[in-house]
């Protein structure tokens, strides 16, 4: 494995490295990972601060007490990740990422940014997503349960199904025709004919 336990790495660019794990008690500050693989790797009590992941594969990575502070993921494969056991402060931006079957439970994701991401079948349970932005994201099968979506921006998102009765929607931004999906949980008949 290219990284050592208890080591500190600063301002390094890491290219085409495969981490078979586990990676434990290792800190990265201001590092850039390009075309690296952390697939199925177990990240235990690590810290990634001001780090960028570009075209990396973290599919099925296990996050255990690992902190991501001001991390950015660009065009990454992030399939089947449970982000809930992150340790400490968690701030990240996602752009062009495949994020199917991800779990975000009991997390504060205020002002998080998801841009052109596929979040198919992702789960947001008891998640604070105030002012989060889902720009050009596919949310098919995505589950929002007891989520605070106040001021969140879904105006260019598609295929979402959000239950207005079980989530907090305060000044949440939607656009037509996708916003009609908000009525699906109500016991109403929607007449499609326009007078």
N, C-alpha and C. Protein backbone atom coordinates (compact mmCIF):
# COMPACT_ATOMS: atom_id res chain seq x y z
N UNK A 1 0.85 -1.18 0.00
CA UNK A 1 0.00 0.00 0.00
C UNK A 1 0.90 1.24 0.00
N UNK A 2 0.53 2.28 -0.76
CA UNK A 2 1.41 3.45 -0.90
C UNK A 2 1.40 4.39 0.29
N UNK A 3 0.45 4.25 1.21
CA UNK A 3 0.36 5.17 2.35
C UNK A 3 0.64 4.41 3.64
N UNK A 4 1.26 5.09 4.58
CA UNK A 4 1.60 4.46 5.85
C UNK A 4 0.69 4.93 6.97
N UNK A 5 0.45 4.03 7.90
CA UNK A 5 -0.37 4.33 9.07
C UNK A 5 0.28 5.44 9.88
N UNK A 6 -0.53 6.35 10.38
CA UNK A 6 -0.11 7.48 11.22
C UNK A 6 0.71 8.52 10.48
N UNK A 7 0.78 8.45 9.16
CA UNK A 7 1.55 9.43 8.41
C UNK A 7 0.71 10.66 8.08
N UNK A 8 1.41 11.74 7.74
CA UNK A 8 0.78 12.99 7.34
C UNK A 8 1.31 13.35 5.96
N UNK A 9 0.38 13.63 5.04
CA UNK A 9 0.75 14.01 3.68
C UNK A 9 0.17 15.39 3.40
N UNK A 10 1.00 16.30 2.90
CA UNK A 10 0.55 17.67 2.63
C UNK A 10 0.90 18.07 1.21
N UNK A 11 -0.07 18.75 0.55
CA UNK A 11 0.13 19.37 -0.77
C UNK A 11 0.78 18.42 -1.78
N UNK A 12 0.32 17.20 -1.81
CA UNK A 12 0.87 16.23 -2.76
C UNK A 12 -0.16 15.89 -3.82
N UNK A 13 0.30 15.56 -5.01
CA UNK A 13 -0.55 15.06 -6.07
C UNK A 13 -0.27 13.57 -6.22
N UNK A 14 -1.32 12.78 -6.05
CA UNK A 14 -1.20 11.32 -6.11
C UNK A 14 -1.94 10.86 -7.36
N UNK A 15 -1.25 10.17 -8.25
CA UNK A 15 -1.83 9.77 -9.52
C UNK A 15 -1.77 8.26 -9.71
N UNK A 16 -2.89 7.69 -10.13
CA UNK A 16 -3.01 6.28 -10.51
C UNK A 16 -2.49 5.32 -9.45
N UNK A 17 -2.89 5.58 -8.21
CA UNK A 17 -2.50 4.71 -7.11
C UNK A 17 -3.72 3.88 -6.72
N UNK A 18 -3.50 2.61 -6.42
CA UNK A 18 -4.57 1.74 -5.95
C UNK A 18 -4.32 1.44 -4.48
N UNK A 19 -5.30 1.79 -3.67
CA UNK A 19 -5.22 1.54 -2.23
C UNK A 19 -6.09 0.32 -1.92
N UNK A 20 -5.47 -0.74 -1.48
CA UNK A 20 -6.21 -1.96 -1.19
C UNK A 20 -6.66 -2.02 0.26
N UNK A 21 -6.10 -1.16 1.08
CA UNK A 21 -6.55 -0.97 2.45
C UNK A 21 -6.23 -2.12 3.38
N UNK A 22 -6.62 -1.94 4.63
CA UNK A 22 -7.26 -0.71 5.12
C UNK A 22 -6.26 0.44 5.25
N UNK A 23 -6.80 1.63 5.17
CA UNK A 23 -6.01 2.84 5.38
C UNK A 23 -6.44 3.40 6.72
N UNK A 24 -5.49 3.53 7.65
CA UNK A 24 -5.86 3.86 9.02
C UNK A 24 -5.00 4.99 9.60
N UNK A 25 -5.69 5.89 10.33
CA UNK A 25 -5.01 6.96 11.07
C UNK A 25 -4.03 7.75 10.22
N UNK A 26 -4.41 8.05 8.99
CA UNK A 26 -3.55 8.79 8.08
C UNK A 26 -4.23 10.10 7.71
N UNK A 27 -3.46 11.18 7.63
CA UNK A 27 -4.02 12.50 7.35
C UNK A 27 -3.48 13.06 6.05
N UNK A 28 -4.39 13.69 5.30
CA UNK A 28 -4.03 14.31 4.02
C UNK A 28 -4.54 15.75 4.03
N UNK A 29 -3.67 16.71 3.77
CA UNK A 29 -4.03 18.12 3.75
C UNK A 29 -3.63 18.71 2.40
N UNK A 30 -4.61 19.29 1.69
CA UNK A 30 -4.32 19.94 0.42
C UNK A 30 -3.82 19.00 -0.67
N UNK A 31 -4.19 17.74 -0.59
CA UNK A 31 -3.72 16.76 -1.58
C UNK A 31 -4.73 16.60 -2.72
N UNK A 32 -4.22 16.21 -3.88
CA UNK A 32 -5.05 15.93 -5.04
C UNK A 32 -4.83 14.48 -5.44
N UNK A 33 -5.94 13.75 -5.57
CA UNK A 33 -5.89 12.35 -6.00
C UNK A 33 -6.48 12.28 -7.40
N UNK A 34 -5.71 11.79 -8.36
CA UNK A 34 -6.16 11.70 -9.75
C UNK A 34 -6.10 10.25 -10.22
N UNK A 35 -7.24 9.78 -10.74
CA UNK A 35 -7.33 8.41 -11.27
C UNK A 35 -6.84 7.37 -10.26
N UNK A 36 -7.18 7.58 -8.99
CA UNK A 36 -6.80 6.64 -7.95
C UNK A 36 -7.98 5.73 -7.62
N UNK A 37 -7.68 4.57 -7.07
CA UNK A 37 -8.73 3.64 -6.67
C UNK A 37 -8.65 3.36 -5.18
N UNK A 38 -9.79 3.60 -4.54
CA UNK A 38 -9.98 3.23 -3.13
C UNK A 38 -11.14 2.24 -3.06
N UNK A 39 -11.38 1.53 -4.16
CA UNK A 39 -12.53 0.62 -4.24
C UNK A 39 -12.46 -0.42 -3.14
N UNK A 40 -13.57 -0.54 -2.40
CA UNK A 40 -13.72 -1.49 -1.30
C UNK A 40 -12.69 -1.30 -0.19
N UNK A 41 -12.00 -0.18 -0.20
CA UNK A 41 -10.99 0.11 0.81
C UNK A 41 -11.67 0.55 2.11
N UNK A 42 -11.12 0.17 3.22
CA UNK A 42 -11.64 0.59 4.52
C UNK A 42 -10.82 1.78 5.00
N UNK A 43 -11.48 2.93 5.17
CA UNK A 43 -10.82 4.15 5.62
C UNK A 43 -11.16 4.36 7.09
N UNK A 44 -10.19 4.13 7.96
CA UNK A 44 -10.43 4.15 9.40
C UNK A 44 -9.72 5.33 10.05
N UNK A 45 -10.49 6.23 10.64
CA UNK A 45 -9.95 7.38 11.38
C UNK A 45 -8.93 8.18 10.58
N UNK A 46 -9.21 8.36 9.29
CA UNK A 46 -8.35 9.18 8.44
C UNK A 46 -8.91 10.59 8.36
N UNK A 47 -8.11 11.50 7.83
CA UNK A 47 -8.56 12.87 7.66
C UNK A 47 -8.15 13.36 6.27
N UNK A 48 -9.14 13.85 5.52
CA UNK A 48 -8.90 14.45 4.21
C UNK A 48 -9.39 15.89 4.29
N UNK A 49 -8.47 16.84 4.34
CA UNK A 49 -8.85 18.24 4.46
C UNK A 49 -8.33 19.02 3.26
N UNK A 50 -9.24 19.79 2.63
CA UNK A 50 -8.92 20.56 1.43
C UNK A 50 -8.33 19.66 0.34
N UNK A 51 -8.88 18.46 0.20
CA UNK A 51 -8.41 17.50 -0.79
C UNK A 51 -9.38 17.41 -1.97
N UNK A 52 -8.82 17.11 -3.13
CA UNK A 52 -9.62 16.94 -4.35
C UNK A 52 -9.42 15.53 -4.87
N UNK A 53 -10.54 14.88 -5.20
CA UNK A 53 -10.53 13.56 -5.81
C UNK A 53 -11.05 13.73 -7.23
N UNK A 54 -10.24 13.44 -8.24
CA UNK A 54 -10.63 13.60 -9.64
C UNK A 54 -10.54 12.26 -10.36
N UNK A 55 -11.64 11.84 -10.97
CA UNK A 55 -11.73 10.56 -11.68
C UNK A 55 -11.27 9.39 -10.81
N UNK A 56 -11.65 9.41 -9.55
CA UNK A 56 -11.26 8.34 -8.63
C UNK A 56 -12.40 7.36 -8.44
N UNK A 57 -12.05 6.15 -8.04
CA UNK A 57 -13.03 5.10 -7.77
C UNK A 57 -13.02 4.80 -6.28
N UNK A 58 -14.11 5.18 -5.60
CA UNK A 58 -14.28 4.87 -4.19
C UNK A 58 -15.47 3.94 -3.98
N UNK A 59 -15.88 3.24 -5.03
CA UNK A 59 -17.04 2.35 -4.94
C UNK A 59 -16.88 1.37 -3.79
N UNK A 60 -17.94 1.26 -2.99
CA UNK A 60 -18.01 0.33 -1.86
C UNK A 60 -16.95 0.57 -0.79
N UNK A 61 -16.35 1.76 -0.78
CA UNK A 61 -15.41 2.09 0.30
C UNK A 61 -16.16 2.13 1.63
N UNK A 62 -15.49 1.71 2.67
CA UNK A 62 -16.09 1.72 4.01
C UNK A 62 -15.45 2.86 4.79
N UNK A 63 -16.30 3.79 5.22
CA UNK A 63 -15.81 4.97 5.93
C UNK A 63 -16.11 4.78 7.41
N UNK A 64 -15.07 4.74 8.22
CA UNK A 64 -15.22 4.49 9.64
C UNK A 64 -14.46 5.55 10.43
N UNK A 65 -15.18 6.58 10.87
CA UNK A 65 -14.56 7.64 11.66
C UNK A 65 -13.65 8.55 10.86
N UNK A 66 -13.76 8.51 9.54
CA UNK A 66 -12.91 9.34 8.68
C UNK A 66 -13.57 10.69 8.43
N UNK A 67 -12.76 11.73 8.45
CA UNK A 67 -13.25 13.10 8.28
C UNK A 67 -12.93 13.61 6.88
N UNK A 68 -13.95 14.22 6.25
CA UNK A 68 -13.76 14.91 4.98
C UNK A 68 -14.11 16.37 5.24
N UNK A 69 -13.14 17.25 5.22
CA UNK A 69 -13.37 18.68 5.45
C UNK A 69 -12.98 19.45 4.20
N UNK A 70 -13.97 20.11 3.60
CA UNK A 70 -13.76 20.87 2.37
C UNK A 70 -13.16 19.99 1.27
N UNK A 71 -13.74 18.80 1.13
CA UNK A 71 -13.30 17.87 0.09
C UNK A 71 -14.10 18.10 -1.18
N UNK A 72 -13.49 17.82 -2.32
CA UNK A 72 -14.18 17.95 -3.60
C UNK A 72 -13.99 16.67 -4.40
N UNK A 73 -15.12 16.17 -4.92
CA UNK A 73 -15.12 14.95 -5.72
C UNK A 73 -15.56 15.32 -7.13
N UNK A 74 -14.71 15.08 -8.13
CA UNK A 74 -15.01 15.42 -9.52
C UNK A 74 -14.97 14.16 -10.37
N UNK A 75 -16.10 13.88 -11.03
CA UNK A 75 -16.18 12.73 -11.95
C UNK A 75 -15.70 11.44 -11.29
N UNK A 76 -16.14 11.23 -10.06
CA UNK A 76 -15.72 10.04 -9.32
C UNK A 76 -16.82 8.98 -9.30
N UNK A 77 -16.41 7.75 -9.08
CA UNK A 77 -17.32 6.63 -8.93
C UNK A 77 -17.46 6.39 -7.43
N UNK A 78 -18.62 6.77 -6.89
CA UNK A 78 -18.86 6.69 -5.45
C UNK A 78 -20.09 5.82 -5.19
N UNK A 79 -20.04 4.58 -5.58
CA UNK A 79 -21.20 3.69 -5.51
C UNK A 79 -21.26 2.96 -4.17
N UNK A 80 -22.47 2.89 -3.59
CA UNK A 80 -22.69 2.08 -2.40
C UNK A 80 -21.93 2.51 -1.17
N UNK A 81 -21.77 3.80 -0.98
CA UNK A 81 -21.03 4.30 0.18
C UNK A 81 -22.00 4.76 1.26
N UNK A 82 -21.74 4.35 2.49
CA UNK A 82 -22.49 4.84 3.64
C UNK A 82 -21.65 5.95 4.27
N UNK A 83 -22.07 7.19 4.05
CA UNK A 83 -21.32 8.35 4.56
C UNK A 83 -21.63 8.63 6.03
N UNK A 84 -22.58 7.93 6.60
CA UNK A 84 -23.05 8.23 7.96
C UNK A 84 -21.98 8.10 9.05
N UNK A 85 -21.07 7.13 8.98
CA UNK A 85 -20.08 7.02 10.06
C UNK A 85 -18.86 7.94 9.91
N UNK A 86 -19.00 9.05 9.16
CA UNK A 86 -17.85 9.96 9.08
C UNK A 86 -17.55 10.49 10.47
N UNK A 87 -16.30 10.83 10.69
CA UNK A 87 -15.90 11.35 12.00
C UNK A 87 -15.66 12.84 11.92
N UNK A 88 -16.23 13.58 12.83
CA UNK A 88 -15.98 15.02 12.87
C UNK A 88 -16.71 15.79 11.79
N UNK A 89 -16.11 16.88 11.37
CA UNK A 89 -16.71 17.83 10.44
C UNK A 89 -16.74 17.24 9.04
N UNK A 90 -17.86 17.39 8.34
CA UNK A 90 -18.03 16.81 7.02
C UNK A 90 -18.53 17.88 6.06
N UNK A 91 -17.67 18.31 5.14
CA UNK A 91 -18.07 19.25 4.09
C UNK A 91 -17.48 18.77 2.78
N UNK A 92 -18.33 18.71 1.76
CA UNK A 92 -17.86 18.21 0.47
C UNK A 92 -18.70 18.78 -0.66
N UNK A 93 -18.10 18.78 -1.85
CA UNK A 93 -18.80 19.15 -3.07
C UNK A 93 -18.63 17.99 -4.04
N UNK A 94 -19.70 17.70 -4.76
CA UNK A 94 -19.68 16.60 -5.70
C UNK A 94 -20.04 17.12 -7.08
N UNK A 95 -19.24 16.79 -8.09
CA UNK A 95 -19.52 17.24 -9.45
C UNK A 95 -19.29 16.09 -10.42
N UNK A 96 -20.35 15.75 -11.18
CA UNK A 96 -20.25 14.71 -12.19
C UNK A 96 -19.99 13.33 -11.64
N UNK A 97 -20.46 13.06 -10.43
CA UNK A 97 -20.17 11.78 -9.77
C UNK A 97 -21.32 10.78 -9.90
N UNK A 98 -20.97 9.50 -10.00
CA UNK A 98 -21.94 8.41 -9.94
C UNK A 98 -22.05 8.03 -8.47
N UNK A 99 -23.23 8.31 -7.87
CA UNK A 99 -23.42 8.12 -6.43
C UNK A 99 -24.61 7.23 -6.11
N UNK A 100 -24.82 6.20 -6.91
CA UNK A 100 -25.95 5.31 -6.71
C UNK A 100 -25.82 4.56 -5.38
N UNK A 101 -26.98 4.37 -4.73
CA UNK A 101 -27.07 3.58 -3.50
C UNK A 101 -26.22 4.12 -2.35
N UNK A 102 -26.04 5.43 -2.29
CA UNK A 102 -25.32 6.04 -1.17
C UNK A 102 -26.28 6.27 -0.02
N UNK A 103 -25.75 6.29 1.19
CA UNK A 103 -26.55 6.53 2.39
C UNK A 103 -25.99 7.76 3.11
N UNK A 104 -26.88 8.74 3.33
CA UNK A 104 -26.55 9.94 4.10
C UNK A 104 -27.56 10.01 5.24
N UNK A 105 -27.27 9.40 6.37
CA UNK A 105 -28.21 9.37 7.49
C UNK A 105 -27.64 10.14 8.68
N UNK A 106 -28.53 10.89 9.34
CA UNK A 106 -28.16 11.62 10.56
C UNK A 106 -26.96 12.54 10.35
N UNK A 107 -26.94 13.22 9.22
CA UNK A 107 -25.83 14.11 8.90
C UNK A 107 -26.29 15.54 8.68
N UNK A 108 -25.41 16.48 8.94
CA UNK A 108 -25.64 17.88 8.61
C UNK A 108 -24.96 18.18 7.29
N UNK A 109 -25.74 18.30 6.23
CA UNK A 109 -25.19 18.56 4.90
C UNK A 109 -25.65 19.92 4.39
N UNK A 110 -25.76 20.88 5.29
CA UNK A 110 -26.20 22.21 4.90
C UNK A 110 -25.24 22.80 3.88
N UNK A 111 -25.79 23.39 2.83
CA UNK A 111 -25.04 24.06 1.77
C UNK A 111 -24.16 23.12 0.95
N UNK A 112 -24.41 21.82 1.02
CA UNK A 112 -23.69 20.89 0.16
C UNK A 112 -24.09 21.12 -1.28
N UNK A 113 -23.19 20.81 -2.20
CA UNK A 113 -23.44 21.03 -3.61
C UNK A 113 -23.25 19.72 -4.37
N UNK A 114 -24.32 19.29 -5.06
CA UNK A 114 -24.29 18.13 -5.93
C UNK A 114 -24.55 18.65 -7.34
N UNK A 115 -23.61 18.54 -8.25
CA UNK A 115 -23.75 19.06 -9.61
C UNK A 115 -23.57 17.94 -10.62
N UNK A 116 -24.58 17.75 -11.45
CA UNK A 116 -24.55 16.73 -12.51
C UNK A 116 -24.19 15.35 -11.96
N UNK A 117 -24.79 15.00 -10.83
CA UNK A 117 -24.54 13.71 -10.20
C UNK A 117 -25.73 12.77 -10.39
N UNK A 118 -25.45 11.50 -10.42
CA UNK A 118 -26.48 10.47 -10.45
C UNK A 118 -26.61 9.92 -9.04
N UNK A 119 -27.72 10.25 -8.37
CA UNK A 119 -27.95 9.82 -7.00
C UNK A 119 -29.05 8.76 -6.95
N UNK A 120 -29.08 7.87 -7.93
CA UNK A 120 -30.11 6.85 -8.00
C UNK A 120 -30.14 6.01 -6.73
N UNK A 121 -31.34 5.87 -6.17
CA UNK A 121 -31.57 5.04 -4.98
C UNK A 121 -30.75 5.46 -3.76
N UNK A 122 -30.31 6.71 -3.72
CA UNK A 122 -29.60 7.20 -2.53
C UNK A 122 -30.62 7.44 -1.42
N UNK A 123 -30.16 7.45 -0.19
CA UNK A 123 -31.04 7.61 0.96
C UNK A 123 -30.57 8.77 1.83
N UNK A 124 -31.49 9.69 2.08
CA UNK A 124 -31.23 10.83 2.98
C UNK A 124 -32.21 10.70 4.14
N UNK A 125 -31.77 10.14 5.26
CA UNK A 125 -32.63 9.94 6.42
C UNK A 125 -32.18 10.83 7.56
N UNK A 126 -33.12 11.63 8.08
CA UNK A 126 -32.81 12.54 9.19
C UNK A 126 -31.58 13.39 8.86
N UNK A 127 -31.59 13.92 7.65
CA UNK A 127 -30.45 14.67 7.15
C UNK A 127 -30.81 16.14 7.02
N UNK A 128 -29.91 17.00 7.45
CA UNK A 128 -30.11 18.44 7.33
C UNK A 128 -29.50 18.91 6.02
N UNK A 129 -30.37 19.23 5.06
CA UNK A 129 -29.93 19.65 3.73
C UNK A 129 -30.33 21.09 3.43
N UNK A 130 -30.35 21.93 4.46
CA UNK A 130 -30.73 23.32 4.25
C UNK A 130 -29.75 23.98 3.29
N UNK A 131 -30.32 24.67 2.32
CA UNK A 131 -29.56 25.40 1.29
C UNK A 131 -28.66 24.50 0.44
N UNK A 132 -28.90 23.19 0.47
CA UNK A 132 -28.17 22.29 -0.42
C UNK A 132 -28.65 22.51 -1.85
N UNK A 133 -27.77 22.25 -2.81
CA UNK A 133 -28.10 22.45 -4.22
C UNK A 133 -27.93 21.12 -4.95
N UNK A 134 -29.01 20.72 -5.65
CA UNK A 134 -28.99 19.53 -6.49
C UNK A 134 -29.12 20.02 -7.93
N UNK A 135 -28.02 20.43 -8.52
CA UNK A 135 -28.04 21.01 -9.86
C UNK A 135 -27.84 19.93 -10.91
N UNK A 136 -28.84 19.79 -11.80
CA UNK A 136 -28.76 18.83 -12.90
C UNK A 136 -28.48 17.42 -12.39
N UNK A 137 -29.16 17.03 -11.31
CA UNK A 137 -28.96 15.71 -10.72
C UNK A 137 -30.14 14.79 -11.01
N UNK A 138 -29.84 13.50 -11.22
CA UNK A 138 -30.87 12.50 -11.38
C UNK A 138 -31.12 11.86 -10.02
N UNK A 139 -32.35 12.03 -9.51
CA UNK A 139 -32.70 11.56 -8.17
C UNK A 139 -33.69 10.40 -8.21
N UNK A 140 -33.71 9.64 -9.29
CA UNK A 140 -34.66 8.52 -9.42
C UNK A 140 -34.44 7.52 -8.29
N UNK A 141 -35.52 7.18 -7.60
CA UNK A 141 -35.46 6.22 -6.51
C UNK A 141 -34.82 6.75 -5.25
N UNK A 142 -34.47 8.02 -5.23
CA UNK A 142 -33.83 8.64 -4.07
C UNK A 142 -34.88 8.79 -2.95
N UNK A 143 -34.50 8.46 -1.73
CA UNK A 143 -35.43 8.53 -0.61
C UNK A 143 -35.03 9.65 0.35
N UNK A 144 -35.98 10.54 0.59
CA UNK A 144 -35.81 11.61 1.57
C UNK A 144 -36.79 11.33 2.70
N UNK A 145 -36.30 11.08 3.91
CA UNK A 145 -37.15 10.78 5.05
C UNK A 145 -36.71 11.62 6.24
N UNK A 146 -37.63 12.38 6.80
CA UNK A 146 -37.33 13.27 7.94
C UNK A 146 -36.15 14.18 7.63
N UNK A 147 -36.06 14.62 6.39
CA UNK A 147 -34.97 15.51 5.98
C UNK A 147 -35.42 16.96 6.04
N UNK A 148 -34.52 17.83 6.45
CA UNK A 148 -34.78 19.27 6.43
C UNK A 148 -34.27 19.82 5.11
N UNK A 149 -35.20 20.14 4.22
CA UNK A 149 -34.87 20.62 2.89
C UNK A 149 -35.16 22.12 2.75
N UNK A 150 -35.14 22.83 3.86
CA UNK A 150 -35.41 24.27 3.84
C UNK A 150 -34.40 24.98 2.93
N UNK A 151 -34.92 25.78 2.04
CA UNK A 151 -34.12 26.59 1.11
C UNK A 151 -33.28 25.75 0.15
N UNK A 152 -33.46 24.43 0.13
CA UNK A 152 -32.70 23.59 -0.80
C UNK A 152 -33.16 23.88 -2.23
N UNK A 153 -32.27 23.67 -3.18
CA UNK A 153 -32.54 24.01 -4.58
C UNK A 153 -32.60 22.75 -5.44
N UNK A 154 -33.83 22.44 -5.91
CA UNK A 154 -34.07 21.29 -6.78
C UNK A 154 -34.52 21.73 -8.17
N UNK A 155 -34.34 23.01 -8.52
CA UNK A 155 -34.96 23.52 -9.75
C UNK A 155 -34.46 22.86 -11.03
N UNK A 156 -33.26 22.32 -11.06
CA UNK A 156 -32.80 21.62 -12.27
C UNK A 156 -32.63 20.12 -12.02
N UNK A 157 -33.05 19.65 -10.85
CA UNK A 157 -33.00 18.21 -10.55
C UNK A 157 -34.17 17.53 -11.25
N UNK A 158 -34.06 16.21 -11.41
CA UNK A 158 -35.13 15.48 -12.08
C UNK A 158 -35.36 14.13 -11.41
N UNK A 159 -36.53 13.58 -11.68
CA UNK A 159 -36.94 12.25 -11.23
C UNK A 159 -37.03 12.11 -9.71
N UNK A 160 -37.24 13.22 -9.00
CA UNK A 160 -37.34 13.10 -7.55
C UNK A 160 -38.77 12.81 -7.13
N UNK A 161 -38.88 12.24 -5.96
CA UNK A 161 -40.17 11.97 -5.33
C UNK A 161 -39.97 12.30 -3.85
N UNK A 162 -40.49 13.44 -3.44
CA UNK A 162 -40.29 13.92 -2.07
C UNK A 162 -41.64 14.03 -1.39
N UNK A 163 -41.79 13.37 -0.26
CA UNK A 163 -43.03 13.42 0.49
C UNK A 163 -43.04 14.71 1.31
N UNK A 164 -43.96 15.60 0.97
CA UNK A 164 -44.04 16.90 1.65
C UNK A 164 -44.52 16.76 3.09
N UNK A 165 -45.12 15.64 3.43
CA UNK A 165 -45.63 15.43 4.79
C UNK A 165 -44.58 14.91 5.75
N UNK A 166 -43.54 14.25 5.24
CA UNK A 166 -42.54 13.65 6.13
C UNK A 166 -41.18 14.34 6.07
N UNK A 167 -41.11 15.44 5.32
CA UNK A 167 -39.88 16.21 5.23
C UNK A 167 -40.19 17.68 5.45
N UNK A 168 -39.21 18.46 5.85
CA UNK A 168 -39.40 19.89 6.04
C UNK A 168 -39.10 20.60 4.73
N UNK A 169 -40.14 21.24 4.18
CA UNK A 169 -40.01 22.00 2.94
C UNK A 169 -40.36 23.45 3.26
N UNK A 170 -39.37 24.26 3.50
CA UNK A 170 -39.59 25.68 3.78
C UNK A 170 -38.79 26.48 2.75
N UNK A 171 -39.51 27.14 1.85
CA UNK A 171 -38.90 27.91 0.79
C UNK A 171 -37.93 27.06 -0.05
N UNK A 172 -38.27 25.78 -0.17
CA UNK A 172 -37.51 24.87 -1.02
C UNK A 172 -37.82 25.22 -2.47
N UNK A 173 -36.81 25.20 -3.32
CA UNK A 173 -36.97 25.64 -4.70
C UNK A 173 -37.17 24.45 -5.62
N UNK A 174 -38.31 24.46 -6.35
CA UNK A 174 -38.63 23.44 -7.33
C UNK A 174 -39.00 24.14 -8.62
N UNK A 175 -39.07 23.38 -9.70
CA UNK A 175 -39.55 23.94 -10.96
C UNK A 175 -40.51 22.94 -11.61
N UNK A 176 -41.32 23.44 -12.51
CA UNK A 176 -42.27 22.60 -13.23
C UNK A 176 -41.55 21.97 -14.41
N UNK A 177 -41.94 20.82 -14.86
CA UNK A 177 -43.07 20.03 -14.39
C UNK A 177 -42.72 19.07 -13.25
N UNK A 178 -41.44 18.97 -12.86
CA UNK A 178 -41.03 18.03 -11.82
C UNK A 178 -41.74 18.26 -10.49
N UNK A 179 -42.09 19.50 -10.18
CA UNK A 179 -42.71 19.82 -8.89
C UNK A 179 -44.05 19.13 -8.71
N UNK A 180 -44.68 18.71 -9.79
CA UNK A 180 -45.96 17.99 -9.69
C UNK A 180 -45.80 16.71 -8.87
N UNK A 181 -44.61 16.13 -8.85
CA UNK A 181 -44.38 14.91 -8.08
C UNK A 181 -44.64 15.11 -6.58
N UNK A 182 -44.60 16.35 -6.11
CA UNK A 182 -44.86 16.63 -4.69
C UNK A 182 -46.31 16.32 -4.32
N UNK A 183 -47.19 16.25 -5.30
CA UNK A 183 -48.60 15.99 -5.05
C UNK A 183 -48.92 14.50 -4.97
N UNK A 184 -47.98 13.66 -5.32
CA UNK A 184 -48.25 12.23 -5.42
C UNK A 184 -48.63 11.57 -4.10
N UNK A 185 -48.22 12.14 -2.98
CA UNK A 185 -48.54 11.55 -1.67
C UNK A 185 -49.89 12.02 -1.13
N UNK A 186 -50.53 12.94 -1.82
CA UNK A 186 -51.80 13.47 -1.35
C UNK A 186 -52.95 12.67 -1.95
N UNK A 187 -54.03 12.57 -1.23
CA UNK A 187 -55.20 11.83 -1.71
C UNK A 187 -56.05 12.76 -2.56
N UNK A 188 -55.51 13.09 -3.74
CA UNK A 188 -56.21 14.00 -4.64
C UNK A 188 -56.22 13.43 -6.06
N UNK A 189 -57.08 13.98 -6.87
CA UNK A 189 -57.12 13.64 -8.28
C UNK A 189 -56.68 14.87 -9.03
N UNK A 190 -55.63 14.75 -9.81
CA UNK A 190 -55.10 15.87 -10.56
C UNK A 190 -55.67 15.84 -11.98
N UNK A 191 -56.45 16.83 -12.33
CA UNK A 191 -57.04 16.92 -13.66
C UNK A 191 -56.02 17.55 -14.59
N UNK A 192 -55.64 16.82 -15.61
CA UNK A 192 -54.61 17.29 -16.52
C UNK A 192 -55.16 18.21 -17.61
N UNK A 193 -56.47 18.32 -17.68
CA UNK A 193 -57.05 19.22 -18.70
C UNK A 193 -56.99 20.65 -18.22
N UNK A 194 -56.62 21.52 -19.13
CA UNK A 194 -56.54 22.94 -18.81
C UNK A 194 -57.78 23.62 -19.37
N UNK A 195 -58.40 24.42 -18.57
CA UNK A 195 -59.63 25.11 -19.00
C UNK A 195 -59.29 26.32 -19.82
